[in-house]
Amino acid sequence: EQPEQPEQPEQPEQPEQPEQPEQPEQPEQPEQKPKAKRGAKGKVDEPISDAGTGEAES
């Protein structure tokens, strides 16, 4: 049945990649900055640092 391989010509569908132009939505990234501030307020990362300090004590 290997002769079916000729179906590979369907690969030409890759031209759909032109949809990548949607990436321009990245401009929303600026919202990530506000999220970063939230992370600072949450200081969720600090507990991780404390864990490292705890190891230093021992």
N, C-alpha and C. Protein backbone atom coordinates (compact mmCIF):
# COMPACT_ATOMS: atom_id res chain seq x y z
N GLU A 1 0.85 -1.21 0.00
CA GLU A 1 0.00 0.00 0.00
C GLU A 1 0.87 1.25 0.00
N GLN A 2 2.15 1.10 0.22
CA GLN A 2 3.05 2.26 0.23
C GLN A 2 2.76 3.22 -0.92
N PRO A 3 2.33 2.69 -2.07
CA PRO A 3 2.06 3.61 -3.20
C PRO A 3 1.15 4.76 -2.80
N GLU A 4 0.47 4.66 -1.67
CA GLU A 4 -0.42 5.77 -1.27
C GLU A 4 0.41 6.99 -0.90
N GLN A 5 1.67 6.82 -0.60
CA GLN A 5 2.53 7.94 -0.22
C GLN A 5 2.31 9.15 -1.15
N PRO A 6 2.02 8.91 -2.41
CA PRO A 6 1.82 10.07 -3.31
C PRO A 6 0.85 11.10 -2.71
N GLU A 7 0.15 10.75 -1.65
CA GLU A 7 -0.77 11.73 -1.05
C GLU A 7 0.04 12.87 -0.44
N GLN A 8 1.29 12.66 -0.17
CA GLN A 8 2.12 13.71 0.43
C GLN A 8 1.91 15.06 -0.26
N PRO A 9 1.61 15.06 -1.54
CA PRO A 9 1.40 16.36 -2.21
C PRO A 9 0.44 17.25 -1.44
N GLU A 10 -0.25 16.71 -0.44
CA GLU A 10 -1.17 17.57 0.33
C GLU A 10 -0.37 18.59 1.13
N GLN A 11 0.89 18.32 1.36
CA GLN A 11 1.72 19.26 2.12
C GLN A 11 1.54 20.69 1.63
N PRO A 12 1.28 20.88 0.35
CA PRO A 12 1.09 22.26 -0.13
C PRO A 12 0.11 23.04 0.74
N GLU A 13 -0.61 22.37 1.62
CA GLU A 13 -1.54 23.11 2.49
C GLU A 13 -0.74 24.03 3.42
N GLN A 14 0.51 23.75 3.62
CA GLN A 14 1.33 24.58 4.50
C GLN A 14 1.14 26.07 4.18
N PRO A 15 0.85 26.42 2.94
CA PRO A 15 0.65 27.85 2.64
C PRO A 15 -0.30 28.51 3.62
N GLU A 16 -0.99 27.73 4.45
CA GLU A 16 -1.88 28.36 5.43
C GLU A 16 -1.06 29.15 6.44
N GLN A 17 0.21 28.86 6.54
CA GLN A 17 1.07 29.59 7.48
C GLN A 17 0.84 31.10 7.39
N PRO A 18 0.47 31.61 6.22
CA PRO A 18 0.24 33.06 6.12
C PRO A 18 -0.65 33.57 7.25
N GLU A 19 -1.31 32.66 7.97
CA GLU A 19 -2.15 33.13 9.09
C GLU A 19 -1.26 33.71 10.18
N GLN A 20 0.00 33.36 10.19
CA GLN A 20 0.91 33.88 11.21
C GLN A 20 0.76 35.40 11.36
N PRO A 21 0.43 36.11 10.29
CA PRO A 21 0.28 37.56 10.42
C PRO A 21 -0.59 37.93 11.62
N GLU A 22 -1.33 36.97 12.17
CA GLU A 22 -2.16 37.29 13.34
C GLU A 22 -1.26 37.65 14.51
N GLN A 23 -0.02 37.25 14.47
CA GLN A 23 0.91 37.57 15.57
C GLN A 23 0.84 39.05 15.94
N PRO A 24 0.52 39.93 15.01
CA PRO A 24 0.44 41.35 15.36
C PRO A 24 -0.36 41.57 16.64
N GLU A 25 -1.09 40.55 17.09
CA GLU A 25 -1.85 40.71 18.34
C GLU A 25 -0.88 40.85 19.50
N GLN A 26 0.36 40.47 19.30
CA GLN A 26 1.35 40.57 20.38
C GLN A 26 1.28 41.93 21.08
N PRO A 27 0.91 42.98 20.38
CA PRO A 27 0.82 44.29 21.06
C PRO A 27 0.09 44.18 22.38
N GLU A 28 -0.67 43.09 22.59
CA GLU A 28 -1.36 42.94 23.87
C GLU A 28 -0.34 42.65 24.97
N GLN A 29 0.84 42.23 24.60
CA GLN A 29 1.86 41.92 25.61
C GLN A 29 1.96 43.04 26.66
N PRO A 30 1.80 44.29 26.27
CA PRO A 30 1.87 45.36 27.28
C PRO A 30 1.03 45.03 28.51
N GLU A 31 0.00 44.21 28.33
CA GLU A 31 -0.83 43.86 29.49
C GLU A 31 -0.01 42.98 30.44
N GLN A 32 0.93 42.23 29.89
CA GLN A 32 1.74 41.36 30.75
C GLN A 32 2.47 42.20 31.79
N LYS A 33 2.82 43.43 31.45
CA LYS A 33 3.55 44.26 32.43
C LYS A 33 2.70 44.43 33.69
N PRO A 34 1.44 44.82 33.55
CA PRO A 34 0.59 44.94 34.75
C PRO A 34 0.59 43.63 35.52
N LYS A 35 0.57 42.49 34.79
CA LYS A 35 0.57 41.19 35.47
C LYS A 35 1.87 41.06 36.26
N ALA A 36 2.95 41.52 35.70
CA ALA A 36 4.24 41.41 36.40
C ALA A 36 4.13 42.13 37.74
N LYS A 37 3.48 43.30 37.73
CA LYS A 37 3.32 44.05 39.00
C LYS A 37 2.52 43.18 39.98
N ARG A 38 1.48 42.53 39.47
CA ARG A 38 0.68 41.68 40.37
C ARG A 38 1.60 40.64 41.00
N GLY A 39 2.48 40.06 40.18
CA GLY A 39 3.40 39.04 40.70
C GLY A 39 4.24 39.65 41.82
N ALA A 40 4.67 40.89 41.64
CA ALA A 40 5.50 41.54 42.67
C ALA A 40 4.68 41.70 43.94
N LYS A 41 3.43 42.14 43.79
CA LYS A 41 2.59 42.31 44.99
C LYS A 41 2.41 40.96 45.68
N GLY A 42 2.13 39.93 44.85
CA GLY A 42 1.92 38.60 45.43
C GLY A 42 3.21 38.09 46.07
N LYS A 43 4.34 38.57 45.56
CA LYS A 43 5.63 38.13 46.10
C LYS A 43 5.64 36.61 46.18
N VAL A 44 4.96 35.98 45.24
CA VAL A 44 4.93 34.51 45.25
C VAL A 44 6.34 33.99 44.99
N ASP A 45 7.13 34.77 44.26
CA ASP A 45 8.50 34.31 43.96
C ASP A 45 9.37 34.38 45.22
N GLU A 46 9.05 35.29 46.12
CA GLU A 46 9.91 35.43 47.31
C GLU A 46 9.94 34.15 48.14
N PRO A 47 8.80 33.53 48.38
CA PRO A 47 8.81 32.28 49.15
C PRO A 47 9.83 31.31 48.58
N ILE A 48 9.94 31.28 47.25
CA ILE A 48 10.92 30.38 46.64
C ILE A 48 12.33 30.79 47.09
N SER A 49 12.59 32.11 47.12
CA SER A 49 13.91 32.58 47.56
C SER A 49 14.12 32.19 49.02
N ASP A 50 13.08 32.32 49.84
CA ASP A 50 13.22 31.97 51.26
C ASP A 50 13.63 30.50 51.36
N ALA A 51 13.04 29.66 50.52
CA ALA A 51 13.38 28.24 50.57
C ALA A 51 14.88 28.09 50.35
N GLY A 52 15.41 28.83 49.37
CA GLY A 52 16.85 28.75 49.11
C GLY A 52 17.62 29.22 50.33
N THR A 53 17.14 30.28 50.99
CA THR A 53 17.83 30.77 52.19
C THR A 53 17.80 29.71 53.28
N GLY A 54 16.66 29.04 53.40
CA GLY A 54 16.54 28.00 54.42
C GLY A 54 17.64 26.96 54.22
N GLU A 55 17.89 26.61 52.97
CA GLU A 55 18.95 25.62 52.72
C GLU A 55 20.29 26.18 53.18
N ALA A 56 20.50 27.48 53.00
CA ALA A 56 21.78 28.08 53.39
C ALA A 56 21.94 27.94 54.91
N GLU A 57 20.86 28.11 55.65
CA GLU A 57 20.96 28.01 57.12
C GLU A 57 21.48 26.62 57.51
N SER A 58 20.95 25.62 56.85
CA SER A 58 21.38 24.25 57.20
C SER A 58 22.72 23.99 56.53
